[in-house]
Structures are given as structure tokens and as C-alpha cells.
Amino acid sequence: MISKYLSTIDGISVFPVIGLIIFFGLFIFIIVRTVRMDKKLITQMGNLPLENNKEIQNNNEIEDETK
């Protein structure tokens, strides 16, 4: 039913192509950015959940006191 209405619009076939180009462009950008990232930064970000974050806890306590 929707395709019947969409087929009456002139130039509608351009939009899926534009969407596909945007998707692949963003995908390639993310892949290139991930490959070029500093390996130390990746390791540090991977270890964040495992670290004892006293600095973060102190910041949260300070924020709670100011409220």
C-alpha cells in the first residue's frame, strides 16, 4: 500500500541511494577512526570499568554536597 503511494512521487528512487551512501560513509569513517586510534587509549578505556575510581567517587560526593 505504501509502495503504491511512493511510486507516484517523482525522483523517490534517489532517497534510498542517498541513505545507502550516508550509511556506508559513516561506517567507513568509524572503521578508519577505530583503526587509527592510539592503542594506549584503547587499553585505558578497556580497563576503566575495572579500576577503583576514587577520583570519580570524590567528584560525586562534592556534587551531592552542593545540591
PDB file of N, CA and C in Angstrom:
ATOM      1  N   MET A   1       0.817  -1.186   0.000  1.00  0.00           N
ATOM      2  CA  MET A   1       0.000   0.000   0.000  1.00  0.00           C
ATOM      3  C   MET A   1       0.867   1.258   0.000  1.00  0.00           C
ATOM      4  N   ILE A   2       1.868   1.281   0.860  1.00  0.00           N
ATOM      5  CA  ILE A   2       2.753   2.446   0.922  1.00  0.00           C
ATOM      6  C   ILE A   2       3.559   2.566  -0.364  1.00  0.00           C
ATOM      7  N   SER A   3       3.991   1.425  -0.905  1.00  0.00           N
ATOM      8  CA  SER A   3       4.788   1.478  -2.138  1.00  0.00           C
ATOM      9  C   SER A   3       3.981   2.049  -3.297  1.00  0.00           C
ATOM     10  N   LYS A   4       2.662   1.860  -3.261  1.00  0.00           N
ATOM     11  CA  LYS A   4       1.814   2.422  -4.310  1.00  0.00           C
ATOM     12  C   LYS A   4       1.847   3.950  -4.256  1.00  0.00           C
ATOM     13  N   TYR A   5       1.800   4.502  -3.052  1.00  0.00           N
ATOM     14  CA  TYR A   5       1.847   5.958  -2.907  1.00  0.00           C
ATOM     15  C   TYR A   5       3.243   6.506  -3.205  1.00  0.00           C
ATOM     16  N   LEU A   6       4.257   5.782  -2.778  1.00  0.00           N
ATOM     17  CA  LEU A   6       5.623   6.235  -3.021  1.00  0.00           C
ATOM     18  C   LEU A   6       5.983   6.190  -4.501  1.00  0.00           C
ATOM     19  N   SER A   7       5.401   5.267  -5.242  1.00  0.00           N
ATOM     20  CA  SER A   7       5.724   5.172  -6.666  1.00  0.00           C
ATOM     21  C   SER A   7       5.175   6.355  -7.457  1.00  0.00           C
ATOM     22  N   THR A   8       4.217   7.074  -6.899  1.00  0.00           N
ATOM     23  CA  THR A   8       3.666   8.244  -7.596  1.00  0.00           C
ATOM     24  C   THR A   8       4.541   9.475  -7.435  1.00  0.00           C
ATOM     25  N   ILE A   9       5.504   9.447  -6.516  1.00  0.00           N
ATOM     26  CA  ILE A   9       6.387  10.594  -6.287  1.00  0.00           C
ATOM     27  C   ILE A   9       7.549  10.520  -7.266  1.00  0.00           C
ATOM     28  N   ASP A  10       7.776  11.610  -7.988  1.00  0.00           N
ATOM     29  CA  ASP A  10       8.887  11.654  -8.940  1.00  0.00           C
ATOM     30  C   ASP A  10      10.214  11.749  -8.196  1.00  0.00           C
ATOM     31  N   GLY A  11      11.188  10.979  -8.609  1.00  0.00           N
ATOM     32  CA  GLY A  11      12.529  11.047  -8.042  1.00  0.00           C
ATOM     33  C   GLY A  11      12.672  10.371  -6.698  1.00  0.00           C
ATOM     34  N   ILE A  12      11.712   9.553  -6.289  1.00  0.00           N
ATOM     35  CA  ILE A  12      11.766   8.903  -4.983  1.00  0.00           C
ATOM     36  C   ILE A  12      12.875   7.851  -4.923  1.00  0.00           C
ATOM     37  N   SER A  13      13.300   7.330  -6.059  1.00  0.00           N
ATOM     38  CA  SER A  13      14.327   6.289  -6.067  1.00  0.00           C
ATOM     39  C   SER A  13      15.701   6.826  -5.682  1.00  0.00           C
ATOM     40  N   VAL A  14      15.853   8.133  -5.610  1.00  0.00           N
ATOM     41  CA  VAL A  14      17.132   8.731  -5.237  1.00  0.00           C
ATOM     42  C   VAL A  14      17.372   8.606  -3.735  1.00  0.00           C
ATOM     43  N   PHE A  15      16.320   8.646  -2.933  1.00  0.00           N
ATOM     44  CA  PHE A  15      16.466   8.657  -1.480  1.00  0.00           C
ATOM     45  C   PHE A  15      17.092   7.388  -0.908  1.00  0.00           C
ATOM     46  N   PRO A  16      16.737   6.191  -1.367  1.00  0.00           N
ATOM     47  CA  PRO A  16      17.435   5.008  -0.853  1.00  0.00           C
ATOM     48  C   PRO A  16      18.927   5.011  -1.193  1.00  0.00           C
ATOM     49  N   VAL A  17      19.275   5.512  -2.351  1.00  0.00           N
ATOM     50  CA  VAL A  17      20.687   5.582  -2.743  1.00  0.00           C
ATOM     51  C   VAL A  17      21.428   6.556  -1.837  1.00  0.00           C
ATOM     52  N   ILE A  18      20.831   7.703  -1.567  1.00  0.00           N
ATOM     53  CA  ILE A  18      21.451   8.689  -0.674  1.00  0.00           C
ATOM     54  C   ILE A  18      21.611   8.105   0.727  1.00  0.00           C
ATOM     55  N   GLY A  19      20.586   7.411   1.215  1.00  0.00           N
ATOM     56  CA  GLY A  19      20.663   6.775   2.531  1.00  0.00           C
ATOM     57  C   GLY A  19      21.764   5.738   2.601  1.00  0.00           C
ATOM     58  N   LEU A  20      21.911   4.955   1.544  1.00  0.00           N
ATOM     59  CA  LEU A  20      22.957   3.935   1.492  1.00  0.00           C
ATOM     60  C   LEU A  20      24.347   4.570   1.480  1.00  0.00           C
ATOM     61  N   ILE A  21      24.512   5.640   0.730  1.00  0.00           N
ATOM     62  CA  ILE A  21      25.803   6.341   0.678  1.00  0.00           C
ATOM     63  C   ILE A  21      26.149   6.927   2.041  1.00  0.00           C
ATOM     64  N   ILE A  22      25.174   7.533   2.712  1.00  0.00           N
ATOM     65  CA  ILE A  22      25.417   8.102   4.047  1.00  0.00           C
ATOM     66  C   ILE A  22      25.793   6.995   5.026  1.00  0.00           C
ATOM     67  N   PHE A  23      25.078   5.872   4.993  1.00  0.00           N
ATOM     68  CA  PHE A  23      25.368   4.757   5.893  1.00  0.00           C
ATOM     69  C   PHE A  23      26.781   4.232   5.687  1.00  0.00           C
ATOM     70  N   PHE A  24      27.154   3.940   4.445  1.00  0.00           N
ATOM     71  CA  PHE A  24      28.488   3.401   4.186  1.00  0.00           C
ATOM     72  C   PHE A  24      29.575   4.425   4.477  1.00  0.00           C
ATOM     73  N   GLY A  25      29.316   5.694   4.214  1.00  0.00           N
ATOM     74  CA  GLY A  25      30.289   6.733   4.545  1.00  0.00           C
ATOM     75  C   GLY A  25      30.553   6.793   6.037  1.00  0.00           C
ATOM     76  N   LEU A  26      29.498   6.757   6.832  1.00  0.00           N
ATOM     77  CA  LEU A  26      29.638   6.772   8.286  1.00  0.00           C
ATOM     78  C   LEU A  26      30.316   5.500   8.780  1.00  0.00           C
ATOM     79  N   PHE A  27      29.959   4.368   8.198  1.00  0.00           N
ATOM     80  CA  PHE A  27      30.561   3.095   8.574  1.00  0.00           C
ATOM     81  C   PHE A  27      32.063   3.099   8.302  1.00  0.00           C
ATOM     82  N   ILE A  28      32.468   3.548   7.138  1.00  0.00           N
ATOM     83  CA  ILE A  28      33.889   3.611   6.786  1.00  0.00           C
ATOM     84  C   ILE A  28      34.621   4.585   7.703  1.00  0.00           C
ATOM     85  N   PHE A  29      34.005   5.736   8.012  1.00  0.00           N
ATOM     86  CA  PHE A  29      34.614   6.713   8.917  1.00  0.00           C
ATOM     87  C   PHE A  29      34.871   6.099  10.287  1.00  0.00           C
ATOM     88  N   ILE A  30      33.901   5.367  10.823  1.00  0.00           N
ATOM     89  CA  ILE A  30      34.060   4.758  12.146  1.00  0.00           C
ATOM     90  C   ILE A  30      35.135   3.680  12.120  1.00  0.00           C
ATOM     91  N   ILE A  31      35.194   2.888  11.066  1.00  0.00           N
ATOM     92  CA  ILE A  31      36.225   1.850  10.953  1.00  0.00           C
ATOM     93  C   ILE A  31      37.615   2.479  10.890  1.00  0.00           C
ATOM     94  N   VAL A  32      37.787   3.508  10.060  1.00  0.00           N
ATOM     95  CA  VAL A  32      39.093   4.165   9.927  1.00  0.00           C
ATOM     96  C   VAL A  32      39.493   4.811  11.245  1.00  0.00           C
ATOM     97  N   ARG A  33      38.555   5.468  11.911  1.00  0.00           N
ATOM     98  CA  ARG A  33      38.859   6.122  13.190  1.00  0.00           C
ATOM     99  C   ARG A  33      39.260   5.089  14.241  1.00  0.00           C
ATOM    100  N   THR A  34      38.590   3.956  14.262  1.00  0.00           N
ATOM    101  CA  THR A  34      38.905   2.911  15.229  1.00  0.00           C
ATOM    102  C   THR A  34      40.285   2.317  14.965  1.00  0.00           C
ATOM    103  N   VAL A  35      40.622   2.092  13.721  1.00  0.00           N
ATOM    104  CA  VAL A  35      41.924   1.515  13.384  1.00  0.00           C
ATOM    105  C   VAL A  35      43.049   2.490  13.711  1.00  0.00           C
ATOM    106  N   ARG A  36      42.817   3.786  13.532  1.00  0.00           N
ATOM    107  CA  ARG A  36      43.863   4.783  13.753  1.00  0.00           C
ATOM    108  C   ARG A  36      43.979   5.234  15.206  1.00  0.00           C
ATOM    109  N   MET A  37      43.083   4.752  16.092  1.00  0.00           N
ATOM    110  CA  MET A  37      43.133   5.160  17.497  1.00  0.00           C
ATOM    111  C   MET A  37      44.429   4.690  18.145  1.00  0.00           C
ATOM    112  N   ASP A  38      44.873   5.459  19.122  1.00  0.00           N
ATOM    113  CA  ASP A  38      46.059   5.110  19.884  1.00  0.00           C
ATOM    114  C   ASP A  38      45.772   3.854  20.711  1.00  0.00           C
ATOM    115  N   LYS A  39      46.658   2.883  20.639  1.00  0.00           N
ATOM    116  CA  LYS A  39      46.445   1.614  21.330  1.00  0.00           C
ATOM    117  C   LYS A  39      46.438   1.797  22.846  1.00  0.00           C
ATOM    118  N   LYS A  40      47.201   2.755  23.359  1.00  0.00           N
ATOM    119  CA  LYS A  40      47.196   3.019  24.799  1.00  0.00           C
ATOM    120  C   LYS A  40      45.832   3.527  25.247  1.00  0.00           C
ATOM    121  N   LEU A  41      45.217   4.365  24.429  1.00  0.00           N
ATOM    122  CA  LEU A  41      43.891   4.885  24.754  1.00  0.00           C
ATOM    123  C   LEU A  41      42.857   3.764  24.761  1.00  0.00           C
ATOM    124  N   ILE A  42      42.957   2.851  23.818  1.00  0.00           N
ATOM    125  CA  ILE A  42      42.030   1.720  23.769  1.00  0.00           C
ATOM    126  C   ILE A  42      42.191   0.852  25.014  1.00  0.00           C
ATOM    127  N   THR A  43      43.432   0.594  25.422  1.00  0.00           N
ATOM    128  CA  THR A  43      43.686  -0.195  26.622  1.00  0.00           C
ATOM    129  C   THR A  43      43.161   0.518  27.857  1.00  0.00           C
ATOM    130  N   GLN A  44      43.402   1.820  27.941  1.00  0.00           N
ATOM    131  CA  GLN A  44      42.927   2.598  29.084  1.00  0.00           C
ATOM    132  C   GLN A  44      41.399   2.579  29.157  1.00  0.00           C
ATOM    133  N   MET A  45      40.743   2.753  28.032  1.00  0.00           N
ATOM    134  CA  MET A  45      39.281   2.739  28.015  1.00  0.00           C
ATOM    135  C   MET A  45      38.743   1.349  28.356  1.00  0.00           C
ATOM    136  N   GLY A  46      39.448   0.313  27.948  1.00  0.00           N
ATOM    137  CA  GLY A  46      39.034  -1.047  28.267  1.00  0.00           C
ATOM    138  C   GLY A  46      39.172  -1.375  29.737  1.00  0.00           C
ATOM    139  N   ASN A  47      40.130  -0.746  30.414  1.00  0.00           N
ATOM    140  CA  ASN A  47      40.355  -1.003  31.833  1.00  0.00           C
ATOM    141  C   ASN A  47      39.538  -0.100  32.748  1.00  0.00           C
ATOM    142  N   LEU A  48      38.849   0.878  32.207  1.00  0.00           N
ATOM    143  CA  LEU A  48      38.087   1.807  33.044  1.00  0.00           C
ATOM    144  C   LEU A  48      37.092   1.118  33.976  1.00  0.00           C
ATOM    145  N   PRO A  49      36.315   0.152  33.522  1.00  0.00           N
ATOM    146  CA  PRO A  49      35.362  -0.471  34.450  1.00  0.00           C
ATOM    147  C   PRO A  49      36.032  -1.269  35.559  1.00  0.00           C
ATOM    148  N   LEU A  50      37.293  -1.620  35.386  1.00  0.00           N
ATOM    149  CA  LEU A  50      37.992  -2.448  36.360  1.00  0.00           C
ATOM    150  C   LEU A  50      38.763  -1.643  37.390  1.00  0.00           C
ATOM    151  N   GLU A  51      38.973  -0.365  37.142  1.00  0.00           N
ATOM    152  CA  GLU A  51      39.768   0.456  38.038  1.00  0.00           C
ATOM    153  C   GLU A  51      38.942   0.911  39.228  1.00  0.00           C
ATOM    154  N   ASN A  52      39.639   1.205  40.334  1.00  0.00           N
ATOM    155  CA  ASN A  52      38.999   1.775  41.508  1.00  0.00           C
ATOM    156  C   ASN A  52      38.996   3.285  41.323  1.00  0.00           C
ATOM    157  N   ASN A  53      37.859   3.843  41.033  1.00  0.00           N
ATOM    158  CA  ASN A  53      37.767   5.253  40.659  1.00  0.00           C
ATOM    159  C   ASN A  53      37.448   6.129  41.866  1.00  0.00           C
ATOM    160  N   LYS A  54      38.429   6.334  42.738  1.00  0.00           N
ATOM    161  CA  LYS A  54      38.215   7.193  43.902  1.00  0.00           C
ATOM    162  C   LYS A  54      38.025   8.638  43.481  1.00  0.00           C
ATOM    163  N   GLU A  55      38.679   9.042  42.401  1.00  0.00           N
ATOM    164  CA  GLU A  55      38.528  10.413  41.923  1.00  0.00           C
ATOM    165  C   GLU A  55      37.088  10.664  41.484  1.00  0.00           C
ATOM    166  N   ILE A  56      36.498   9.708  40.808  1.00  0.00           N
ATOM    167  CA  ILE A  56      35.107   9.853  40.373  1.00  0.00           C
ATOM    168  C   ILE A  56      34.183   9.857  41.581  1.00  0.00           C
ATOM    169  N   GLN A  57      34.466   9.010  42.573  1.00  0.00           N
ATOM    170  CA  GLN A  57      33.644   8.976  43.775  1.00  0.00           C
ATOM    171  C   GLN A  57      33.731  10.305  44.516  1.00  0.00           C
ATOM    172  N   ASN A  58      34.927  10.888  44.592  1.00  0.00           N
ATOM    173  CA  ASN A  58      35.088  12.175  45.259  1.00  0.00           C
ATOM    174  C   ASN A  58      34.323  13.263  44.527  1.00  0.00           C
ATOM    175  N   ASN A  59      34.350  13.246  43.202  1.00  0.00           N
ATOM    176  CA  ASN A  59      33.604  14.236  42.427  1.00  0.00           C
ATOM    177  C   ASN A  59      32.108  14.098  42.664  1.00  0.00           C
ATOM    178  N   ASN A  60      31.622  12.861  42.756  1.00  0.00           N
ATOM    179  CA  ASN A  60      30.198  12.651  43.016  1.00  0.00           C
ATOM    180  C   ASN A  60      29.810  13.145  44.400  1.00  0.00           C
ATOM    181  N   GLU A  61      30.686  12.951  45.396  1.00  0.00           N
ATOM    182  CA  GLU A  61      30.396  13.424  46.746  1.00  0.00           C
ATOM    183  C   GLU A  61      30.349  14.941  46.784  1.00  0.00           C
ATOM    184  N   ILE A  62      31.237  15.592  46.064  1.00  0.00           N
ATOM    185  CA  ILE A  62      31.250  17.057  46.016  1.00  0.00           C
ATOM    186  C   ILE A  62      29.981  17.567  45.353  1.00  0.00           C
ATOM    187  N   GLU A  63      29.554  16.913  44.281  1.00  0.00           N
ATOM    188  CA  GLU A  63      28.321  17.324  43.599  1.00  0.00           C
ATOM    189  C   GLU A  63      27.111  17.144  44.504  1.00  0.00           C
ATOM    190  N   ASP A  64      27.093  16.056  45.300  1.00  0.00           N
ATOM    191  CA  ASP A  64      25.971  15.822  46.208  1.00  0.00           C
ATOM    192  C   ASP A  64      25.918  16.880  47.307  1.00  0.00           C
ATOM    193  N   GLU A  65      27.074  17.334  47.763  1.00  0.00           N
ATOM    194  CA  GLU A  65      27.120  18.345  48.819  1.00  0.00           C
ATOM    195  C   GLU A  65      26.634  19.701  48.330  1.00  0.00           C
ATOM    196  N   THR A  66      26.827  19.995  47.051  1.00  0.00           N
ATOM    197  CA  THR A  66      26.426  21.299  46.522  1.00  0.00           C
ATOM    198  C   THR A  66      24.937  21.371  46.240  1.00  0.00           C
ATOM    199  N   LYS A  67      24.249  20.255  46.231  1.00  0.00           N
ATOM    200  CA  LYS A  67      22.803  20.272  45.935  1.00  0.00           C
ATOM    201  C   LYS A  67      21.988  20.612  47.145  1.00  0.00           C
TER     202      LYS A  67
END
